[in-house]
Amino acid sequence: MSELNKIGEPEPDPVVAPVGEACRQRAVRAHRPLPVWVRLTFDDGRPALTEKGFALGWNGEHVLVQVLWGMSYYRGAREFWVGSDQVRRRHLEPQWLGRSA
């Protein structure tokens, strides 16, 4: 539960990969976060969610992703280690800020 959740609303976390310290040390860190789609699974019976996120690092089996995660009344960035089979690359279109191309 987050520190800001004073009324005790449930904040279920996804099932994350059990990554040990050795795997963290072997992980390759991205120079720039890579945009990805990540499938988050839960063990409380809720269906899996596919969220936009960014890959921050990886090793042979797992990927460290950052996603916007809903808390009690706000969304904050959270990092999770997930299996590499739960991550797909996503393409970001250039934003022109109202200018014509």
PDB file of N, CA and C in Angstrom:
ATOM      1  N   MET A   1       0.844  -1.169   0.000  1.00  0.00           N
ATOM      2  CA  MET A   1       0.000   0.000   0.000  1.00  0.00           C
ATOM      3  C   MET A   1       0.893   1.237   0.000  1.00  0.00           C
ATOM      4  N   SER A   2       0.555   2.254  -0.796  1.00  0.00           N
ATOM      5  CA  SER A   2       1.367   3.455  -0.864  1.00  0.00           C
ATOM      6  C   SER A   2       1.146   4.311   0.373  1.00  0.00           C
ATOM      7  N   GLU A   3       2.085   5.187   0.632  1.00  0.00           N
ATOM      8  CA  GLU A   3       2.018   6.064   1.792  1.00  0.00           C
ATOM      9  C   GLU A   3       0.843   7.026   1.702  1.00  0.00           C
ATOM     10  N   LEU A   4       0.428   7.385   0.481  1.00  0.00           N
ATOM     11  CA  LEU A   4      -0.665   8.344   0.316  1.00  0.00           C
ATOM     12  C   LEU A   4      -2.040   7.706   0.436  1.00  0.00           C
ATOM     13  N   ASN A   5      -2.121   6.398   0.469  1.00  0.00           N
ATOM     14  CA  ASN A   5      -3.400   5.698   0.554  1.00  0.00           C
ATOM     15  C   ASN A   5      -3.774   5.539   2.027  1.00  0.00           C
ATOM     16  N   LYS A   6      -4.377   6.556   2.592  1.00  0.00           N
ATOM     17  CA  LYS A   6      -4.708   6.552   4.015  1.00  0.00           C
ATOM     18  C   LYS A   6      -5.994   5.798   4.328  1.00  0.00           C
ATOM     19  N   ILE A   7      -6.874   5.590   3.322  1.00  0.00           N
ATOM     20  CA  ILE A   7      -8.144   4.931   3.609  1.00  0.00           C
ATOM     21  C   ILE A   7      -8.070   3.425   3.388  1.00  0.00           C
ATOM     22  N   GLY A   8      -6.928   2.922   2.994  1.00  0.00           N
ATOM     23  CA  GLY A   8      -6.730   1.482   2.907  1.00  0.00           C
ATOM     24  C   GLY A   8      -7.341   0.811   1.701  1.00  0.00           C
ATOM     25  N   GLU A   9      -7.500   1.535   0.576  1.00  0.00           N
ATOM     26  CA  GLU A   9      -8.010   0.908  -0.639  1.00  0.00           C
ATOM     27  C   GLU A   9      -7.009  -0.134  -1.125  1.00  0.00           C
ATOM     28  N   PRO A  10      -7.484  -1.237  -1.691  1.00  0.00           N
ATOM     29  CA  PRO A  10      -6.546  -2.248  -2.176  1.00  0.00           C
ATOM     30  C   PRO A  10      -5.761  -1.733  -3.377  1.00  0.00           C
ATOM     31  N   GLU A  11      -4.485  -1.982  -3.382  1.00  0.00           N
ATOM     32  CA  GLU A  11      -3.605  -1.595  -4.486  1.00  0.00           C
ATOM     33  C   GLU A  11      -2.849  -2.839  -4.935  1.00  0.00           C
ATOM     34  N   PRO A  12      -3.504  -3.739  -5.659  1.00  0.00           N
ATOM     35  CA  PRO A  12      -2.835  -4.983  -6.032  1.00  0.00           C
ATOM     36  C   PRO A  12      -1.697  -4.740  -7.017  1.00  0.00           C
ATOM     37  N   ASP A  13      -0.604  -5.413  -6.784  1.00  0.00           N
ATOM     38  CA  ASP A  13       0.540  -5.345  -7.676  1.00  0.00           C
ATOM     39  C   ASP A  13       0.481  -6.512  -8.641  1.00  0.00           C
ATOM     40  N   PRO A  14       1.097  -6.356  -9.824  1.00  0.00           N
ATOM     41  CA  PRO A  14       1.140  -7.483 -10.751  1.00  0.00           C
ATOM     42  C   PRO A  14       2.123  -8.542 -10.263  1.00  0.00           C
ATOM     43  N   VAL A  15       2.015  -9.709 -10.854  1.00  0.00           N
ATOM     44  CA  VAL A  15       2.980 -10.769 -10.578  1.00  0.00           C
ATOM     45  C   VAL A  15       4.274 -10.392 -11.290  1.00  0.00           C
ATOM     46  N   VAL A  16       5.346 -10.282 -10.544  1.00  0.00           N
ATOM     47  CA  VAL A  16       6.618  -9.874 -11.131  1.00  0.00           C
ATOM     48  C   VAL A  16       7.578 -11.055 -11.131  1.00  0.00           C
ATOM     49  N   ALA A  17       8.593 -10.946 -11.948  1.00  0.00           N
ATOM     50  CA  ALA A  17       9.584 -12.014 -12.058  1.00  0.00           C
ATOM     51  C   ALA A  17      10.478 -12.013 -10.821  1.00  0.00           C
ATOM     52  N   PRO A  18      10.794 -13.180 -10.289  1.00  0.00           N
ATOM     53  CA  PRO A  18      11.685 -13.255  -9.127  1.00  0.00           C
ATOM     54  C   PRO A  18      13.139 -13.092  -9.568  1.00  0.00           C
ATOM     55  N   VAL A  19      13.592 -11.865  -9.663  1.00  0.00           N
ATOM     56  CA  VAL A  19      14.934 -11.571 -10.160  1.00  0.00           C
ATOM     57  C   VAL A  19      15.862 -11.365  -8.970  1.00  0.00           C
ATOM     58  N   GLY A  20      16.929 -12.146  -8.924  1.00  0.00           N
ATOM     59  CA  GLY A  20      17.899 -12.034  -7.840  1.00  0.00           C
ATOM     60  C   GLY A  20      18.935 -10.956  -8.131  1.00  0.00           C
ATOM     61  N   GLU A  21      19.789 -10.725  -7.159  1.00  0.00           N
ATOM     62  CA  GLU A  21      20.819  -9.693  -7.287  1.00  0.00           C
ATOM     63  C   GLU A  21      21.792 -10.010  -8.419  1.00  0.00           C
ATOM     64  N   ALA A  22      22.102 -11.288  -8.635  1.00  0.00           N
ATOM     65  CA  ALA A  22      23.016 -11.665  -9.718  1.00  0.00           C
ATOM     66  C   ALA A  22      22.426 -11.289 -11.071  1.00  0.00           C
ATOM     67  N   CYS A  23      21.126 -11.489 -11.244  1.00  0.00           N
ATOM     68  CA  CYS A  23      20.480 -11.120 -12.506  1.00  0.00           C
ATOM     69  C   CYS A  23      20.471  -9.610 -12.691  1.00  0.00           C
ATOM     70  N   ARG A  24      20.272  -8.883 -11.614  1.00  0.00           N
ATOM     71  CA  ARG A  24      20.277  -7.416 -11.705  1.00  0.00           C
ATOM     72  C   ARG A  24      21.652  -6.907 -12.130  1.00  0.00           C
ATOM     73  N   GLN A  25      22.699  -7.513 -11.612  1.00  0.00           N
ATOM     74  CA  GLN A  25      24.044  -7.075 -11.952  1.00  0.00           C
ATOM     75  C   GLN A  25      24.399  -7.413 -13.391  1.00  0.00           C
ATOM     76  N   ARG A  26      23.840  -8.509 -13.929  1.00  0.00           N
ATOM     77  CA  ARG A  26      24.094  -8.892 -15.323  1.00  0.00           C
ATOM     78  C   ARG A  26      23.245  -8.101 -16.299  1.00  0.00           C
ATOM     79  N   ALA A  27      22.270  -7.363 -15.823  1.00  0.00           N
ATOM     80  CA  ALA A  27      21.320  -6.678 -16.702  1.00  0.00           C
ATOM     81  C   ALA A  27      22.003  -5.589 -17.512  1.00  0.00           C
ATOM     82  N   VAL A  28      21.583  -5.483 -18.751  1.00  0.00           N
ATOM     83  CA  VAL A  28      22.035  -4.426 -19.645  1.00  0.00           C
ATOM     84  C   VAL A  28      21.075  -3.260 -19.481  1.00  0.00           C
ATOM     85  N   ARG A  29      21.604  -2.064 -19.236  1.00  0.00           N
ATOM     86  CA  ARG A  29      20.766  -0.878 -19.087  1.00  0.00           C
ATOM     87  C   ARG A  29      20.702  -0.159 -20.431  1.00  0.00           C
ATOM     88  N   ALA A  30      19.512   0.302 -20.789  1.00  0.00           N
ATOM     89  CA  ALA A  30      19.321   1.020 -22.047  1.00  0.00           C
ATOM     90  C   ALA A  30      19.881   2.438 -21.923  1.00  0.00           C
ATOM     91  N   HIS A  31      20.493   2.944 -23.003  1.00  0.00           N
ATOM     92  CA  HIS A  31      20.946   4.339 -23.005  1.00  0.00           C
ATOM     93  C   HIS A  31      19.749   5.271 -22.937  1.00  0.00           C
ATOM     94  N   ARG A  32      18.733   4.920 -23.698  1.00  0.00           N
ATOM     95  CA  ARG A  32      17.449   5.627 -23.655  1.00  0.00           C
ATOM     96  C   ARG A  32      16.371   4.579 -23.458  1.00  0.00           C
ATOM     97  N   PRO A  33      15.372   4.868 -22.641  1.00  0.00           N
ATOM     98  CA  PRO A  33      14.292   3.885 -22.462  1.00  0.00           C
ATOM     99  C   PRO A  33      13.624   3.558 -23.796  1.00  0.00           C
ATOM    100  N   LEU A  34      13.352   2.282 -24.026  1.00  0.00           N
ATOM    101  CA  LEU A  34      12.725   1.837 -25.267  1.00  0.00           C
ATOM    102  C   LEU A  34      11.225   1.683 -25.052  1.00  0.00           C
ATOM    103  N   PRO A  35      10.391   2.256 -25.934  1.00  0.00           N
ATOM    104  CA  PRO A  35       8.940   2.108 -25.766  1.00  0.00           C
ATOM    105  C   PRO A  35       8.503   0.669 -26.024  1.00  0.00           C
ATOM    106  N   VAL A  36       7.680   0.141 -25.124  1.00  0.00           N
ATOM    107  CA  VAL A  36       7.223  -1.245 -25.217  1.00  0.00           C
ATOM    108  C   VAL A  36       5.759  -1.340 -24.798  1.00  0.00           C
ATOM    109  N   TRP A  37       5.153  -2.457 -25.176  1.00  0.00           N
ATOM    110  CA  TRP A  37       3.884  -2.912 -24.610  1.00  0.00           C
ATOM    111  C   TRP A  37       4.244  -4.001 -23.625  1.00  0.00           C
ATOM    112  N   VAL A  38       3.684  -3.958 -22.435  1.00  0.00           N
ATOM    113  CA  VAL A  38       3.983  -4.981 -21.433  1.00  0.00           C
ATOM    114  C   VAL A  38       2.675  -5.592 -20.936  1.00  0.00           C
ATOM    115  N   ARG A  39       2.653  -6.933 -20.880  1.00  0.00           N
ATOM    116  CA  ARG A  39       1.482  -7.657 -20.378  1.00  0.00           C
ATOM    117  C   ARG A  39       1.737  -8.000 -18.918  1.00  0.00           C
ATOM    118  N   LEU A  40       0.917  -7.408 -18.041  1.00  0.00           N
ATOM    119  CA  LEU A  40       1.047  -7.621 -16.603  1.00  0.00           C
ATOM    120  C   LEU A  40      -0.006  -8.625 -16.148  1.00  0.00           C
ATOM    121  N   THR A  41       0.413  -9.634 -15.424  1.00  0.00           N
ATOM    122  CA  THR A  41      -0.504 -10.662 -14.931  1.00  0.00           C
ATOM    123  C   THR A  41      -0.678 -10.511 -13.423  1.00  0.00           C
ATOM    124  N   PHE A  42      -1.800 -11.010 -12.924  1.00  0.00           N
ATOM    125  CA  PHE A  42      -2.128 -10.899 -11.506  1.00  0.00           C
ATOM    126  C   PHE A  42      -2.485 -12.277 -10.974  1.00  0.00           C
ATOM    127  N   ASP A  43      -2.269 -12.493  -9.691  1.00  0.00           N
ATOM    128  CA  ASP A  43      -2.606 -13.788  -9.104  1.00  0.00           C
ATOM    129  C   ASP A  43      -3.885 -13.743  -8.277  1.00  0.00           C
ATOM    130  N   ASP A  44      -4.641 -12.645  -8.347  1.00  0.00           N
ATOM    131  CA  ASP A  44      -5.886 -12.547  -7.581  1.00  0.00           C
ATOM    132  C   ASP A  44      -7.121 -12.752  -8.452  1.00  0.00           C
ATOM    133  N   GLY A  45      -6.950 -13.328  -9.646  1.00  0.00           N
ATOM    134  CA  GLY A  45      -8.090 -13.635 -10.501  1.00  0.00           C
ATOM    135  C   GLY A  45      -8.437 -12.557 -11.507  1.00  0.00           C
ATOM    136  N   ARG A  46      -7.785 -11.395 -11.431  1.00  0.00           N
ATOM    137  CA  ARG A  46      -8.057 -10.346 -12.411  1.00  0.00           C
ATOM    138  C   ARG A  46      -7.425 -10.713 -13.749  1.00  0.00           C
ATOM    139  N   PRO A  47      -8.028 -10.243 -14.843  1.00  0.00           N
ATOM    140  CA  PRO A  47      -7.430 -10.542 -16.153  1.00  0.00           C
ATOM    141  C   PRO A  47      -6.115  -9.786 -16.340  1.00  0.00           C
ATOM    142  N   ALA A  48      -5.297 -10.295 -17.239  1.00  0.00           N
ATOM    143  CA  ALA A  48      -4.023  -9.645 -17.541  1.00  0.00           C
ATOM    144  C   ALA A  48      -4.272  -8.288 -18.184  1.00  0.00           C
ATOM    145  N   LEU A  49      -3.391  -7.333 -17.908  1.00  0.00           N
ATOM    146  CA  LEU A  49      -3.460  -5.991 -18.488  1.00  0.00           C
ATOM    147  C   LEU A  49      -2.306  -5.803 -19.455  1.00  0.00           C
ATOM    148  N   THR A  50      -2.567  -5.161 -20.578  1.00  0.00           N
ATOM    149  CA  THR A  50      -1.495  -4.750 -21.475  1.00  0.00           C
ATOM    150  C   THR A  50      -1.379  -3.243 -21.364  1.00  0.00           C
ATOM    151  N   GLU A  51      -0.214  -2.769 -20.943  1.00  0.00           N
ATOM    152  CA  GLU A  51       0.016  -1.355 -20.670  1.00  0.00           C
ATOM    153  C   GLU A  51       1.163  -0.835 -21.526  1.00  0.00           C
ATOM    154  N   LYS A  52       1.129   0.466 -21.805  1.00  0.00           N
ATOM    155  CA  LYS A  52       2.277   1.128 -22.416  1.00  0.00           C
ATOM    156  C   LYS A  52       3.351   1.259 -21.350  1.00  0.00           C
ATOM    157  N   GLY A  53       4.583   1.125 -21.771  1.00  0.00           N
ATOM    158  CA  GLY A  53       5.668   1.272 -20.820  1.00  0.00           C
ATOM    159  C   GLY A  53       6.977   1.519 -21.534  1.00  0.00           C
ATOM    160  N   PHE A  54       8.040   1.512 -20.757  1.00  0.00           N
ATOM    161  CA  PHE A  54       9.379   1.692 -21.296  1.00  0.00           C
ATOM    162  C   PHE A  54      10.289   0.630 -20.707  1.00  0.00           C
ATOM    163  N   ALA A  55      11.109   0.025 -21.565  1.00  0.00           N
ATOM    164  CA  ALA A  55      12.103  -0.946 -21.109  1.00  0.00           C
ATOM    165  C   ALA A  55      13.336  -0.180 -20.658  1.00  0.00           C
ATOM    166  N   LEU A  56      13.733  -0.391 -19.412  1.00  0.00           N
ATOM    167  CA  LEU A  56      14.886   0.305 -18.847  1.00  0.00           C
ATOM    168  C   LEU A  56      16.135  -0.562 -18.837  1.00  0.00           C
ATOM    169  N   GLY A  57      15.949  -1.877 -18.838  1.00  0.00           N
ATOM    170  CA  GLY A  57      17.072  -2.804 -18.814  1.00  0.00           C
ATOM    171  C   GLY A  57      16.576  -4.218 -19.032  1.00  0.00           C
ATOM    172  N   TRP A  58      17.499  -5.139 -19.268  1.00  0.00           N
ATOM    173  CA  TRP A  58      17.114  -6.524 -19.517  1.00  0.00           C
ATOM    174  C   TRP A  58      18.311  -7.434 -19.314  1.00  0.00           C
ATOM    175  N   ASN A  59      18.007  -8.693 -19.108  1.00  0.00           N
ATOM    176  CA  ASN A  59      19.020  -9.740 -19.144  1.00  0.00           C
ATOM    177  C   ASN A  59      18.465 -10.823 -20.063  1.00  0.00           C
ATOM    178  N   GLY A  60      18.978 -12.019 -20.026  1.00  0.00           N
ATOM    179  CA  GLY A  60      18.535 -13.050 -20.957  1.00  0.00           C
ATOM    180  C   GLY A  60      17.089 -13.484 -20.795  1.00  0.00           C
ATOM    181  N   GLU A  61      16.530 -13.366 -19.604  1.00  0.00           N
ATOM    182  CA  GLU A  61      15.196 -13.898 -19.338  1.00  0.00           C
ATOM    183  C   GLU A  61      14.174 -12.855 -18.915  1.00  0.00           C
ATOM    184  N   HIS A  62      14.609 -11.713 -18.388  1.00  0.00           N
ATOM    185  CA  HIS A  62      13.704 -10.741 -17.804  1.00  0.00           C
ATOM    186  C   HIS A  62      13.956  -9.342 -18.354  1.00  0.00           C
ATOM    187  N   VAL A  63      12.928  -8.492 -18.238  1.00  0.00           N
ATOM    188  CA  VAL A  63      13.015  -7.100 -18.687  1.00  0.00           C
ATOM    189  C   VAL A  63      12.541  -6.209 -17.546  1.00  0.00           C
ATOM    190  N   LEU A  64      13.289  -5.145 -17.271  1.00  0.00           N
ATOM    191  CA  LEU A  64      12.875  -4.143 -16.290  1.00  0.00           C
ATOM    192  C   LEU A  64      12.059  -3.097 -17.033  1.00  0.00           C
ATOM    193  N   VAL A  65      10.770  -3.002 -16.711  1.00  0.00           N
ATOM    194  CA  VAL A  65       9.889  -2.057 -17.394  1.00  0.00           C
ATOM    195  C   VAL A  65       9.387  -1.015 -16.406  1.00  0.00           C
ATOM    196  N   GLN A  66       9.081   0.156 -16.955  1.00  0.00           N
ATOM    197  CA  GLN A  66       8.456   1.226 -16.175  1.00  0.00           C
ATOM    198  C   GLN A  66       7.104   1.512 -16.797  1.00  0.00           C
ATOM    199  N   VAL A  67       6.051   1.498 -15.991  1.00  0.00           N
ATOM    200  CA  VAL A  67       4.696   1.775 -16.463  1.00  0.00           C
ATOM    201  C   VAL A  67       4.055   2.800 -15.540  1.00  0.00           C
ATOM    202  N   LEU A  68       3.041   3.502 -16.066  1.00  0.00           N
ATOM    203  CA  LEU A  68       2.227   4.356 -15.207  1.00  0.00           C
ATOM    204  C   LEU A  68       1.265   3.455 -14.461  1.00  0.00           C
ATOM    205  N   TRP A  69       1.270   3.530 -13.156  1.00  0.00           N
ATOM    206  CA  TRP A  69       0.517   2.609 -12.328  1.00  0.00           C
ATOM    207  C   TRP A  69      -0.469   3.380 -11.474  1.00  0.00           C
ATOM    208  N   GLY A  70      -1.744   2.980 -11.537  1.00  0.00           N
ATOM    209  CA  GLY A  70      -2.778   3.658 -10.767  1.00  0.00           C
ATOM    210  C   GLY A  70      -2.691   3.339  -9.286  1.00  0.00           C
ATOM    211  N   MET A  71      -2.583   4.370  -8.485  1.00  0.00           N
ATOM    212  CA  MET A  71      -2.616   4.216  -7.027  1.00  0.00           C
ATOM    213  C   MET A  71      -4.017   4.597  -6.562  1.00  0.00           C
ATOM    214  N   SER A  72      -4.167   5.044  -5.363  1.00  0.00           N
ATOM    215  CA  SER A  72      -5.502   5.321  -4.833  1.00  0.00           C
ATOM    216  C   SER A  72      -6.174   6.472  -5.574  1.00  0.00           C
ATOM    217  N   TYR A  73      -5.469   7.550  -5.835  1.00  0.00           N
ATOM    218  CA  TYR A  73      -6.096   8.668  -6.541  1.00  0.00           C
ATOM    219  C   TYR A  73      -5.145   9.350  -7.517  1.00  0.00           C
ATOM    220  N   TYR A  74      -4.092   8.704  -7.893  1.00  0.00           N
ATOM    221  CA  TYR A  74      -3.153   9.263  -8.859  1.00  0.00           C
ATOM    222  C   TYR A  74      -2.481   8.121  -9.608  1.00  0.00           C
ATOM    223  N   ARG A  75      -1.748   8.486 -10.664  1.00  0.00           N
ATOM    224  CA  ARG A  75      -0.958   7.504 -11.409  1.00  0.00           C
ATOM    225  C   ARG A  75       0.504   7.895 -11.280  1.00  0.00           C
ATOM    226  N   GLY A  76       1.316   6.946 -10.895  1.00  0.00           N
ATOM    227  CA  GLY A  76       2.738   7.193 -10.743  1.00  0.00           C
ATOM    228  C   GLY A  76       3.537   6.144 -11.486  1.00  0.00           C
ATOM    229  N   ALA A  77       4.775   6.473 -11.812  1.00  0.00           N
ATOM    230  CA  ALA A  77       5.643   5.538 -12.522  1.00  0.00           C
ATOM    231  C   ALA A  77       6.149   4.479 -11.549  1.00  0.00           C
ATOM    232  N   ARG A  78       6.011   3.214 -11.932  1.00  0.00           N
ATOM    233  CA  ARG A  78       6.509   2.089 -11.138  1.00  0.00           C
ATOM    234  C   ARG A  78       7.364   1.207 -12.039  1.00  0.00           C
ATOM    235  N   GLU A  79       8.351   0.583 -11.460  1.00  0.00           N
ATOM    236  CA  GLU A  79       9.228  -0.326 -12.192  1.00  0.00           C
ATOM    237  C   GLU A  79       8.967  -1.755 -11.742  1.00  0.00           C
ATOM    238  N   PHE A  80       8.905  -2.665 -12.731  1.00  0.00           N
ATOM    239  CA  PHE A  80       8.677  -4.081 -12.466  1.00  0.00           C
ATOM    240  C   PHE A  80       9.618  -4.910 -13.331  1.00  0.00           C
ATOM    241  N   TRP A  81      10.139  -6.003 -12.789  1.00  0.00           N
ATOM    242  CA  TRP A  81      10.826  -7.005 -13.589  1.00  0.00           C
ATOM    243  C   TRP A  81       9.773  -7.997 -14.059  1.00  0.00           C
ATOM    244  N   VAL A  82       9.696  -8.220 -15.363  1.00  0.00           N
ATOM    245  CA  VAL A  82       8.743  -9.176 -15.929  1.00  0.00           C
ATOM    246  C   VAL A  82       9.496 -10.115 -16.867  1.00  0.00           C
ATOM    247  N   GLY A  83       8.858 -11.208 -17.231  1.00  0.00           N
ATOM    248  CA  GLY A  83       9.452 -12.143 -18.180  1.00  0.00           C
ATOM    249  C   GLY A  83       9.571 -11.516 -19.561  1.00  0.00           C
ATOM    250  N   SER A  84      10.592 -11.891 -20.298  1.00  0.00           N
ATOM    251  CA  SER A  84      10.802 -11.298 -21.624  1.00  0.00           C
ATOM    252  C   SER A  84       9.685 -11.652 -22.596  1.00  0.00           C
ATOM    253  N   ASP A  85       8.940 -12.734 -22.339  1.00  0.00           N
ATOM    254  CA  ASP A  85       7.823 -13.086 -23.213  1.00  0.00           C
ATOM    255  C   ASP A  85       6.608 -12.192 -22.986  1.00  0.00           C
ATOM    256  N   GLN A  86       6.647 -11.325 -21.981  1.00  0.00           N
ATOM    257  CA  GLN A  86       5.534 -10.423 -21.691  1.00  0.00           C
ATOM    258  C   GLN A  86       5.733  -9.035 -22.294  1.00  0.00           C
ATOM    259  N   VAL A  87       6.794  -8.845 -23.073  1.00  0.00           N
ATOM    260  CA  VAL A  87       7.151  -7.513 -23.574  1.00  0.00           C
ATOM    261  C   VAL A  87       7.245  -7.535 -25.089  1.00  0.00           C
ATOM    262  N   ARG A  88       6.661  -6.510 -25.735  1.00  0.00           N
ATOM    263  CA  ARG A  88       6.774  -6.306 -27.188  1.00  0.00           C
ATOM    264  C   ARG A  88       7.177  -4.860 -27.431  1.00  0.00           C
ATOM    265  N   ARG A  89       7.984  -4.636 -28.475  1.00  0.00           N
ATOM    266  CA  ARG A  89       8.364  -3.266 -28.835  1.00  0.00           C
ATOM    267  C   ARG A  89       7.145  -2.513 -29.335  1.00  0.00           C
ATOM    268  N   ARG A  90       7.124  -1.213 -29.114  1.00  0.00           N
ATOM    269  CA  ARG A  90       6.062  -0.365 -29.655  1.00  0.00           C
ATOM    270  C   ARG A  90       6.718   0.809 -30.346  1.00  0.00           C
ATOM    271  N   HIS A  91       6.013   1.353 -31.333  1.00  0.00           N
ATOM    272  CA  HIS A  91       6.545   2.436 -32.149  1.00  0.00           C
ATOM    273  C   HIS A  91       5.877   3.741 -31.737  1.00  0.00           C
ATOM    274  N   LEU A  92       6.679   4.763 -31.484  1.00  0.00           N
ATOM    275  CA  LEU A  92       6.147   6.083 -31.162  1.00  0.00           C
ATOM    276  C   LEU A  92       6.156   6.941 -32.421  1.00  0.00           C
ATOM    277  N   GLU A  93       5.015   7.501 -32.743  1.00  0.00           N
ATOM    278  CA  GLU A  93       4.926   8.418 -33.877  1.00  0.00           C
ATOM    279  C   GLU A  93       5.471   9.782 -33.457  1.00  0.00           C
ATOM    280  N   PRO A  94       6.141  10.498 -34.365  1.00  0.00           N
ATOM    281  CA  PRO A  94       6.633  11.830 -34.012  1.00  0.00           C
ATOM    282  C   PRO A  94       5.467  12.779 -33.732  1.00  0.00           C
ATOM    283  N   GLN A  95       5.653  13.614 -32.750  1.00  0.00           N
ATOM    284  CA  GLN A  95       4.647  14.615 -32.401  1.00  0.00           C
ATOM    285  C   GLN A  95       5.094  15.961 -32.967  1.00  0.00           C
ATOM    286  N   TRP A  96       4.197  16.611 -33.679  1.00  0.00           N
ATOM    287  CA  TRP A  96       4.555  17.861 -34.346  1.00  0.00           C
ATOM    288  C   TRP A  96       4.039  19.089 -33.618  1.00  0.00           C
ATOM    289  N   LEU A  97       3.392  18.919 -32.480  1.00  0.00           N
ATOM    290  CA  LEU A  97       2.944  20.030 -31.646  1.00  0.00           C
ATOM    291  C   LEU A  97       2.118  21.042 -32.418  1.00  0.00           C
ATOM    292  N   GLY A  98       1.178  20.560 -33.207  1.00  0.00           N
ATOM    293  CA  GLY A  98       0.266  21.452 -33.916  1.00  0.00           C
ATOM    294  C   GLY A  98       0.798  22.006 -35.221  1.00  0.00           C
ATOM    295  N   ARG A  99       2.034  21.702 -35.568  1.00  0.00           N
ATOM    296  CA  ARG A  99       2.596  22.187 -36.830  1.00  0.00           C
ATOM    297  C   ARG A  99       2.302  21.186 -37.930  1.00  0.00           C
ATOM    298  N   SER A 100       2.138  21.674 -39.123  1.00  0.00           N
ATOM    299  CA  SER A 100       1.924  20.758 -40.243  1.00  0.00           C
ATOM    300  C   SER A 100       3.251  20.129 -40.638  1.00  0.00           C
ATOM    301  N   ALA A 101       3.175  18.920 -41.131  1.00  0.00           N
ATOM    302  CA  ALA A 101       4.397  18.186 -41.476  1.00  0.00           C
ATOM    303  C   ALA A 101       4.965  18.619 -42.746  1.00  0.00           C
TER     304      ALA A 101
END
